[in-house]
C-alpha atoms as a PDB file:
ATOM      1  CA  MET A   1       0.000   0.000   0.000  1.00  0.00           C
ATOM      2  CA  ILE A   2       2.813   2.406   0.912  1.00  0.00           C
ATOM      3  CA  ARG A   3       4.720   1.482  -2.247  1.00  0.00           C
ATOM      4  CA  HIS A   4       1.610   2.195  -4.327  1.00  0.00           C
ATOM      5  CA  ARG A   5       1.273   5.674  -2.786  1.00  0.00           C
ATOM      6  CA  ARG A   6       4.946   6.438  -3.438  1.00  0.00           C
ATOM      7  CA  THR A   7       4.620   5.317  -7.044  1.00  0.00           C
ATOM      8  CA  ALA A   8       1.549   7.498  -7.547  1.00  0.00           C
ATOM      9  CA  SER A   9       3.363  10.484  -6.021  1.00  0.00           C
ATOM     10  CA  ALA A  10       6.359   9.949  -8.292  1.00  0.00           C
ATOM     11  CA  VAL A  11       4.154   9.760 -11.380  1.00  0.00           C
ATOM     12  CA  ALA A  12       2.359  12.946 -10.360  1.00  0.00           C
ATOM     13  CA  ALA A  13       5.675  14.753  -9.823  1.00  0.00           C
ATOM     14  CA  LEU A  14       6.966  13.661 -13.226  1.00  0.00           C
ATOM     15  CA  ALA A  15       3.737  14.777 -14.889  1.00  0.00           C
ATOM     16  CA  LEU A  16       3.949  18.174 -13.173  1.00  0.00           C
ATOM     17  CA  GLY A  17       7.560  18.554 -14.214  1.00  0.00           C
ATOM     18  CA  ALA A  18       6.716  17.697 -17.809  1.00  0.00           C
ATOM     19  CA  VAL A  19       3.943  20.297 -17.876  1.00  0.00           C
ATOM     20  CA  ALA A  20       6.217  22.948 -16.368  1.00  0.00           C
ATOM     21  CA  THR A  21       8.960  22.155 -18.867  1.00  0.00           C
ATOM     22  CA  ALA A  22       6.533  22.364 -21.745  1.00  0.00           C
ATOM     23  CA  VAL A  23       5.148  25.698 -20.554  1.00  0.00           C
ATOM     24  CA  LEU A  24       8.566  27.205 -19.943  1.00  0.00           C
ATOM     25  CA  GLY A  25       9.834  25.797 -23.187  1.00  0.00           C
ATOM     26  CA  PHE A  26       7.154  27.630 -25.132  1.00  0.00           C
ATOM     27  CA  ALA A  27       7.402  30.822 -23.036  1.00  0.00           C
ATOM     28  CA  ALA A  28      11.184  31.251 -23.177  1.00  0.00           C
ATOM     29  CA  PRO A  29      11.550  32.020 -26.916  1.00  0.00           C
ATOM     30  CA  ALA A  30       8.711  34.554 -26.771  1.00  0.00           C
ATOM     31  CA  SER A  31      10.517  36.608 -24.130  1.00  0.00           C
ATOM     32  CA  ALA A  32      13.969  36.412 -25.719  1.00  0.00           C
ATOM     33  CA  HIS A  33      13.493  38.273 -28.998  1.00  0.00           C
ATOM     34  CA  VAL A  34      14.260  41.916 -29.781  1.00  0.00           C
ATOM     35  CA  THR A  35      11.413  44.192 -28.628  1.00  0.00           C
ATOM     36  CA  VAL A  36      10.536  47.882 -28.615  1.00  0.00           C
ATOM     37  CA  ASN A  37       9.577  49.409 -25.273  1.00  0.00           C
ATOM     38  CA  PRO A  38       7.092  50.791 -24.536  1.00  0.00           C
ATOM     39  CA  GLN A  39       4.985  48.796 -26.954  1.00  0.00           C
ATOM     40  CA  GLU A  40       2.144  51.335 -27.262  1.00  0.00           C
ATOM     41  CA  ALA A  41       1.974  55.068 -28.034  1.00  0.00           C
ATOM     42  CA  SER A  42      -0.388  57.726 -29.451  1.00  0.00           C
ATOM     43  CA  GLN A  43      -0.619  58.717 -33.094  1.00  0.00           C
ATOM     44  CA  GLY A  44       0.726  62.174 -33.860  1.00  0.00           C
ATOM     45  CA  GLY A  45       2.816  62.383 -30.692  1.00  0.00           C
ATOM     46  CA  TYR A  46       6.479  62.065 -29.803  1.00  0.00           C
ATOM     47  CA  GLY A  47       8.014  59.392 -27.630  1.00  0.00           C
ATOM     48  CA  ARG A  48      11.169  57.849 -26.247  1.00  0.00           C
ATOM     49  CA  PHE A  49      11.516  54.193 -27.178  1.00  0.00           C
ATOM     50  CA  ALA A  50      14.187  51.584 -26.511  1.00  0.00           C
ATOM     51  CA  PHE A  51      15.033  48.557 -28.613  1.00  0.00           C
ATOM     52  CA  ARG A  52      15.770  45.833 -26.052  1.00  0.00           C
ATOM     53  CA  VAL A  53      18.233  43.177 -27.216  1.00  0.00           C
ATOM     54  CA  PRO A  54      18.727  40.010 -25.128  1.00  0.00           C
ATOM     55  CA  ASN A  55      21.625  37.664 -25.874  1.00  0.00           C
ATOM     56  CA  GLU A  56      20.417  34.126 -26.630  1.00  0.00           C
ATOM     57  CA  SER A  57      23.838  32.602 -27.285  1.00  0.00           C
ATOM     58  CA  ASP A  58      25.735  30.645 -24.610  1.00  0.00           C
ATOM     59  CA  THR A  59      29.157  31.358 -26.107  1.00  0.00           C
ATOM     60  CA  ALA A  60      29.013  34.460 -28.357  1.00  0.00           C
ATOM     61  CA  SER A  61      28.337  38.140 -27.744  1.00  0.00           C
ATOM     62  CA  THR A  62      25.959  40.422 -29.637  1.00  0.00           C
ATOM     63  CA  THR A  63      28.088  42.904 -31.549  1.00  0.00           C
ATOM     64  CA  LYS A  64      25.643  44.612 -33.927  1.00  0.00           C
ATOM     65  CA  LEU A  65      21.981  45.590 -34.111  1.00  0.00           C
ATOM     66  CA  GLU A  66      20.255  46.814 -37.263  1.00  0.00           C
ATOM     67  CA  VAL A  67      16.738  48.243 -37.063  1.00  0.00           C
ATOM     68  CA  VAL A  68      14.760  48.979 -40.238  1.00  0.00           C
ATOM     69  CA  LEU A  69      11.994  51.561 -39.935  1.00  0.00           C
ATOM     70  CA  PRO A  70       8.752  50.641 -41.744  1.00  0.00           C
ATOM     71  CA  GLU A  71       8.384  52.067 -45.246  1.00  0.00           C
ATOM     72  CA  ASN A  72       4.620  52.472 -44.925  1.00  0.00           C
ATOM     73  CA  ALA A  73       4.959  54.629 -41.782  1.00  0.00           C
ATOM     74  CA  PRO A  74       7.683  57.263 -42.253  1.00  0.00           C
ATOM     75  CA  VAL A  75       8.704  59.347 -39.230  1.00  0.00           C
ATOM     76  CA  GLY A  76       9.979  62.875 -39.721  1.00  0.00           C
ATOM     77  CA  SER A  77      12.158  63.153 -36.606  1.00  0.00           C
ATOM     78  CA  VAL A  78      14.343  60.301 -35.362  1.00  0.00           C
ATOM     79  CA  SER A  79      17.260  60.818 -32.971  1.00  0.00           C
ATOM     80  CA  THR A  80      19.412  58.373 -31.020  1.00  0.00           C
ATOM     81  CA  MET A  81      20.844  58.414 -27.502  1.00  0.00           C
ATOM     82  CA  PRO A  82      24.529  57.588 -27.023  1.00  0.00           C
ATOM     83  CA  VAL A  83      25.176  54.063 -25.763  1.00  0.00           C
ATOM     84  CA  PRO A  84      28.590  53.621 -24.083  1.00  0.00           C
ATOM     85  CA  GLY A  85      30.856  51.378 -26.163  1.00  0.00           C
ATOM     86  CA  TRP A  86      28.612  51.500 -29.237  1.00  0.00           C
ATOM     87  CA  THR A  87      28.598  53.603 -32.398  1.00  0.00           C
ATOM     88  CA  VAL A  88      25.497  54.285 -34.475  1.00  0.00           C
ATOM     89  CA  THR A  89      25.055  55.027 -38.171  1.00  0.00           C
ATOM     90  CA  VAL A  90      21.902  56.468 -39.724  1.00  0.00           C
ATOM     91  CA  GLN A  91      20.656  55.731 -43.230  1.00  0.00           C
ATOM     92  CA  LYS A  92      17.947  57.790 -44.935  1.00  0.00           C
ATOM     93  CA  ARG A  93      15.602  57.429 -47.896  1.00  0.00           C
ATOM     94  CA  LYS A  94      13.466  59.688 -50.078  1.00  0.00           C
ATOM     95  CA  VAL A  95       9.731  59.910 -49.453  1.00  0.00           C
ATOM     96  CA  ASP A  96       6.911  61.146 -51.648  1.00  0.00           C
ATOM     97  CA  PRO A  97       4.695  62.771 -50.516  1.00  0.00           C
ATOM     98  CA  PRO A  98       6.884  64.637 -47.995  1.00  0.00           C
ATOM     99  CA  VAL A  99       6.441  64.284 -44.256  1.00  0.00           C
ATOM    100  CA  GLU A 100       5.351  67.409 -42.384  1.00  0.00           C
ATOM    101  CA  VAL A 101       7.147  68.276 -39.146  1.00  0.00           C
ATOM    102  CA  HIS A 102       6.340  71.571 -37.386  1.00  0.00           C
ATOM    103  CA  GLY A 103       5.212  73.149 -40.642  1.00  0.00           C
ATOM    104  CA  SER A 104       8.248  71.974 -42.643  1.00  0.00           C
ATOM    105  CA  GLN A 105       7.984  69.490 -45.509  1.00  0.00           C
ATOM    106  CA  LEU A 106      10.648  66.761 -45.289  1.00  0.00           C
ATOM    107  CA  SER A 107      11.417  64.747 -48.422  1.00  0.00           C
ATOM    108  CA  GLU A 108      13.945  62.512 -46.633  1.00  0.00           C
ATOM    109  CA  VAL A 109      13.462  60.335 -43.543  1.00  0.00           C
ATOM    110  CA  VAL A 110      15.466  57.806 -41.532  1.00  0.00           C
ATOM    111  CA  SER A 111      15.225  54.294 -42.970  1.00  0.00           C
ATOM    112  CA  ARG A 112      17.739  52.266 -40.911  1.00  0.00           C
ATOM    113  CA  LEU A 113      19.678  52.517 -37.646  1.00  0.00           C
ATOM    114  CA  THR A 114      22.792  50.397 -37.078  1.00  0.00           C
ATOM    115  CA  TRP A 115      24.542  50.072 -33.703  1.00  0.00           C
ATOM    116  CA  THR A 116      27.994  48.455 -33.641  1.00  0.00           C
ATOM    117  CA  ALA A 117      29.960  47.488 -30.539  1.00  0.00           C
ATOM    118  CA  THR A 118      33.522  48.712 -30.107  1.00  0.00           C
ATOM    119  CA  GLY A 119      36.163  46.776 -28.181  1.00  0.00           C
ATOM    120  CA  ASP A 120      34.589  44.385 -25.685  1.00  0.00           C
ATOM    121  CA  ALA A 121      31.306  46.337 -25.323  1.00  0.00           C
ATOM    122  CA  GLY A 122      29.223  43.561 -26.892  1.00  0.00           C
ATOM    123  CA  VAL A 123      26.232  42.082 -25.094  1.00  0.00           C
ATOM    124  CA  GLU A 124      27.564  39.044 -23.215  1.00  0.00           C
ATOM    125  CA  PRO A 125      25.669  35.760 -22.732  1.00  0.00           C
ATOM    126  CA  GLY A 126      22.979  36.128 -20.102  1.00  0.00           C
ATOM    127  CA  GLN A 127      22.785  39.911 -20.551  1.00  0.00           C
ATOM    128  CA  PHE A 128      20.703  42.392 -22.534  1.00  0.00           C
ATOM    129  CA  GLN A 129      21.198  45.914 -23.841  1.00  0.00           C
ATOM    130  CA  GLU A 130      18.790  48.754 -24.664  1.00  0.00           C
ATOM    131  CA  PHE A 131      19.238  51.201 -27.540  1.00  0.00           C
ATOM    132  CA  PRO A 132      17.093  54.332 -26.961  1.00  0.00           C
ATOM    133  CA  VAL A 133      15.644  56.520 -29.725  1.00  0.00           C
ATOM    134  CA  SER A 134      13.276  59.484 -29.864  1.00  0.00           C
ATOM    135  CA  MET A 135      10.664  59.513 -32.638  1.00  0.00           C
ATOM    136  CA  GLY A 136       7.816  61.701 -33.807  1.00  0.00           C
ATOM    137  CA  PRO A 137       5.388  62.778 -34.878  1.00  0.00           C
ATOM    138  CA  LEU A 138       4.176  59.192 -34.946  1.00  0.00           C
ATOM    139  CA  PRO A 139       2.229  58.304 -38.108  1.00  0.00           C
ATOM    140  CA  GLN A 140      -1.516  57.746 -38.399  1.00  0.00           C
ATOM    141  CA  VAL A 141      -1.301  53.952 -38.565  1.00  0.00           C
ATOM    142  CA  GLU A 142      -2.325  51.196 -36.169  1.00  0.00           C
ATOM    143  CA  THR A 143       1.091  49.491 -35.925  1.00  0.00           C
ATOM    144  CA  MET A 144       4.732  50.081 -36.753  1.00  0.00           C
ATOM    145  CA  VAL A 145       6.776  46.940 -37.480  1.00  0.00           C
ATOM    146  CA  PHE A 146      10.548  47.319 -37.024  1.00  0.00           C
ATOM    147  CA  LYS A 147      12.512  44.512 -38.656  1.00  0.00           C
ATOM    148  CA  ALA A 148      15.740  43.850 -36.733  1.00  0.00           C
ATOM    149  CA  LEU A 149      18.964  41.954 -37.417  1.00  0.00           C
ATOM    150  CA  GLN A 150      21.066  40.783 -34.453  1.00  0.00           C
ATOM    151  CA  THR A 151      24.681  39.844 -35.238  1.00  0.00           C
ATOM    152  CA  TYR A 152      26.841  37.717 -32.925  1.00  0.00           C
ATOM    153  CA  SER A 153      30.605  37.664 -32.503  1.00  0.00           C
ATOM    154  CA  ASP A 154      30.768  34.179 -34.065  1.00  0.00           C
ATOM    155  CA  GLY A 155      29.188  35.463 -37.289  1.00  0.00           C
ATOM    156  CA  ASN A 156      25.660  34.167 -36.712  1.00  0.00           C
ATOM    157  CA  VAL A 157      22.826  36.541 -37.550  1.00  0.00           C
ATOM    158  CA  GLN A 158      19.385  36.304 -35.977  1.00  0.00           C
ATOM    159  CA  ARG A 159      16.721  37.873 -38.212  1.00  0.00           C
ATOM    160  CA  TRP A 160      13.799  39.230 -36.211  1.00  0.00           C
ATOM    161  CA  ILE A 161      11.689  40.102 -39.263  1.00  0.00           C
ATOM    162  CA  GLU A 162       8.462  38.083 -39.152  1.00  0.00           C
ATOM    163  CA  GLU A 163       5.322  40.211 -38.914  1.00  0.00           C
ATOM    164  CA  PRO A 164       2.528  39.104 -36.574  1.00  0.00           C
ATOM    165  CA  LEU A 165      -0.676  37.709 -38.051  1.00  0.00           C
ATOM    166  CA  PRO A 166      -3.984  39.128 -36.752  1.00  0.00           C
ATOM    167  CA  GLY A 167      -5.430  36.641 -34.294  1.00  0.00           C
ATOM    168  CA  GLY A 168      -2.633  34.156 -34.975  1.00  0.00           C
ATOM    169  CA  GLU A 169       0.157  32.711 -32.876  1.00  0.00           C
ATOM    170  CA  GLU A 170       3.402  34.588 -32.411  1.00  0.00           C
ATOM    171  CA  PRO A 171       5.867  33.733 -35.207  1.00  0.00           C
ATOM    172  CA  GLU A 172       9.152  32.009 -34.466  1.00  0.00           C
ATOM    173  CA  SER A 173      11.263  35.118 -35.173  1.00  0.00           C
ATOM    174  CA  PRO A 174       8.896  38.051 -34.502  1.00  0.00           C
ATOM    175  CA  ALA A 175       9.796  41.613 -35.384  1.00  0.00           C
ATOM    176  CA  PRO A 176       9.420  44.372 -32.772  1.00  0.00           C
ATOM    177  CA  VAL A 177       5.943  45.927 -33.030  1.00  0.00           C
ATOM    178  CA  LEU A 178       4.744  49.306 -31.762  1.00  0.00           C
ATOM    179  CA  ALA A 179       0.959  49.684 -31.450  1.00  0.00           C
ATOM    180  CA  LEU A 180      -0.400  53.187 -32.095  1.00  0.00           C
ATOM    181  CA  THR A 181      -3.718  54.437 -30.754  1.00  0.00           C
ATOM    182  CA  ALA A 182      -5.727  57.474 -31.807  1.00  0.00           C
ATOM    183  CA  ALA A 183      -5.077  60.570 -29.721  1.00  0.00           C
ATOM    184  CA  ALA A 184      -7.819  61.354 -27.195  1.00  0.00           C
ATOM    185  CA  PRO A 185     -10.061  64.305 -28.206  1.00  0.00           C
ATOM    186  CA  SER A 186      -9.750  67.538 -26.259  1.00  0.00           C
ATOM    187  CA  THR A 187     -12.236  67.878 -23.382  1.00  0.00           C
ATOM    188  CA  ALA A 188     -11.668  71.595 -22.691  1.00  0.00           C
ATOM    189  CA  PRO A 189     -14.929  73.573 -22.064  1.00  0.00           C
ATOM    190  CA  THR A 190     -16.190  75.822 -24.862  1.00  0.00           C
ATOM    191  CA  GLY A 191     -16.133  79.619 -24.533  1.00  0.00           C
ATOM    192  CA  ALA A 192     -19.935  79.876 -24.470  1.00  0.00           C
ATOM    193  CA  ALA A 193     -20.301  77.687 -21.396  1.00  0.00           C
ATOM    194  CA  ALA A 194     -18.163  79.849 -19.084  1.00  0.00           C
ATOM    195  CA  PRO A 195     -20.408  82.997 -18.955  1.00  0.00           C
ATOM    196  CA  GLN A 196     -23.458  80.847 -18.154  1.00  0.00           C
ATOM    197  CA  ALA A 197     -21.621  79.352 -15.206  1.00  0.00           C
ATOM    198  CA  ASP A 198     -20.655  82.856 -14.000  1.00  0.00           C
ATOM    199  CA  ASP A 199     -24.265  84.070 -14.276  1.00  0.00           C
ATOM    200  CA  ASP A 200     -25.469  81.098 -12.295  1.00  0.00           C
ATOM    201  CA  ASP A 201     -22.871  81.802  -9.622  1.00  0.00           C
ATOM    202  CA  ASP A 202     -23.909  85.476  -9.443  1.00  0.00           C
ATOM    203  CA  ASP A 203     -27.600  84.553  -9.140  1.00  0.00           C
ATOM    204  CA  ALA A 204     -26.829  82.004  -6.466  1.00  0.00           C
ATOM    205  CA  THR A 205     -24.755  84.573  -4.566  1.00  0.00           C
ATOM    206  CA  SER A 206     -27.503  87.223  -4.788  1.00  0.00           C
ATOM    207  CA  ASP A 207     -30.142  84.777  -3.607  1.00  0.00           C
ATOM    208  CA  GLY A 208     -27.915  83.774  -0.714  1.00  0.00           C
ATOM    209  CA  VAL A 209     -27.323  87.375   0.357  1.00  0.00           C
ATOM    210  CA  ALA A 210     -31.035  88.212   0.183  1.00  0.00           C
ATOM    211  CA  THR A 211     -31.932  85.133   2.190  1.00  0.00           C
ATOM    212  CA  GLY A 212     -29.314  85.982   4.794  1.00  0.00           C
ATOM    213  CA  LEU A 213     -30.556  89.542   5.166  1.00  0.00           C
ATOM    214  CA  ALA A 214     -34.144  88.340   5.538  1.00  0.00           C
ATOM    215  CA  ILE A 215     -33.169  85.883   8.242  1.00  0.00           C
ATOM    216  CA  ALA A 216     -31.130  88.542  10.054  1.00  0.00           C
ATOM    217  CA  GLY A 217     -34.076  90.948   9.960  1.00  0.00           C
ATOM    218  CA  LEU A 218     -36.425  88.294  11.303  1.00  0.00           C
ATOM    219  CA  VAL A 219     -34.044  87.473  14.145  1.00  0.00           C
ATOM    220  CA  ALA A 220     -33.692  91.166  14.987  1.00  0.00           C
ATOM    221  CA  GLY A 221     -37.474  91.600  14.997  1.00  0.00           C
ATOM    222  CA  VAL A 222     -38.003  88.621  17.273  1.00  0.00           C
ATOM    223  CA  GLY A 223     -35.277  89.901  19.559  1.00  0.00           C
ATOM    224  CA  GLY A 224     -36.939  93.311  19.731  1.00  0.00           C
ATOM    225  CA  LEU A 225     -40.274  91.787  20.645  1.00  0.00           C
ATOM    226  CA  LEU A 226     -38.692  89.707  23.388  1.00  0.00           C
ATOM    227  CA  LEU A 227     -36.893  92.709  24.867  1.00  0.00           C
ATOM    228  CA  GLY A 228     -40.075  94.801  24.707  1.00  0.00           C
ATOM    229  CA  GLY A 229     -42.092  92.116  26.460  1.00  0.00           C
ATOM    230  CA  LEU A 230     -39.456  91.769  29.175  1.00  0.00           C
ATOM    231  CA  ALA A 231     -39.416  95.507  29.803  1.00  0.00           C
ATOM    232  CA  PHE A 232     -43.211  95.634  30.005  1.00  0.00           C
ATOM    233  CA  SER A 233     -43.254  92.753  32.490  1.00  0.00           C
ATOM    234  CA  ARG A 234     -40.721  94.467  34.770  1.00  0.00           C
ATOM    235  CA  THR A 235     -42.693  97.684  34.653  1.00  0.00           C
ATOM    236  CA  ARG A 236     -45.883  95.986  35.842  1.00  0.00           C
ATOM    237  CA  ARG A 237     -44.073  94.181  38.683  1.00  0.00           C
ATOM    238  CA  ALA A 238     -42.303  97.272  39.966  1.00  0.00           C
ATOM    239  CA  PRO A 239     -43.836  98.564  43.361  1.00  0.00           C
ATOM    240  CA  THR A 240     -45.423 101.987  43.433  1.00  0.00           C
ATOM    241  CA  SER A 241     -44.010 104.586  45.851  1.00  0.00           C
ATOM    242  CA  SER A 242     -46.188 105.697  48.856  1.00  0.00           C
ATOM    243  CA  GLN A 243     -47.431 109.323  49.039  1.00  0.00           C
END
């Protein structure tokens, strides 16, 4: 009986371990690819974003990252932040129609960013590195897909270029995706509503003052009556002097 219980416990433990391994096995690749953070922003705005690059190799370092900006969603202003130990090159392309930025028409936009490690600044196994950029105004599209190439010190290149399918499973080598939402409409009050509110306040104030004065007058009147009655009562009780 005891042996049977031990055998059942061992089988249950093995089954649990198999399930955990399967779950972790499927979850690990999804969290190890190149991503853009944050993953959501507003159309028409500006934002600071970071391309996060984890190192999946056990023996080699990541020495280069190439990020291709989507052709169907050009961005007028793109600037990079210095990353210690890395150099960055910027490639541009012509666009037609031009992209408007602060009233200026730009016929050329950034098409590719390439970061290259110098010396021993590569991303070591078990580490990750972020490459920040500032972009805007963000285009009027629902998503921006950034295809990325990750090069290792042993010459291997990981191509994170597969676009997600609507309602489908995540691809094996997904590209970084930035979701864009429509900007919230302004909720500021209109100019016509403000005077009405002021008039209402003035009327409420006038009514309050009139009510206060009426109450004060009533209190004063009642007080006068009380004082008069008290004086009359004292007068009647007062003794008359003898002749």
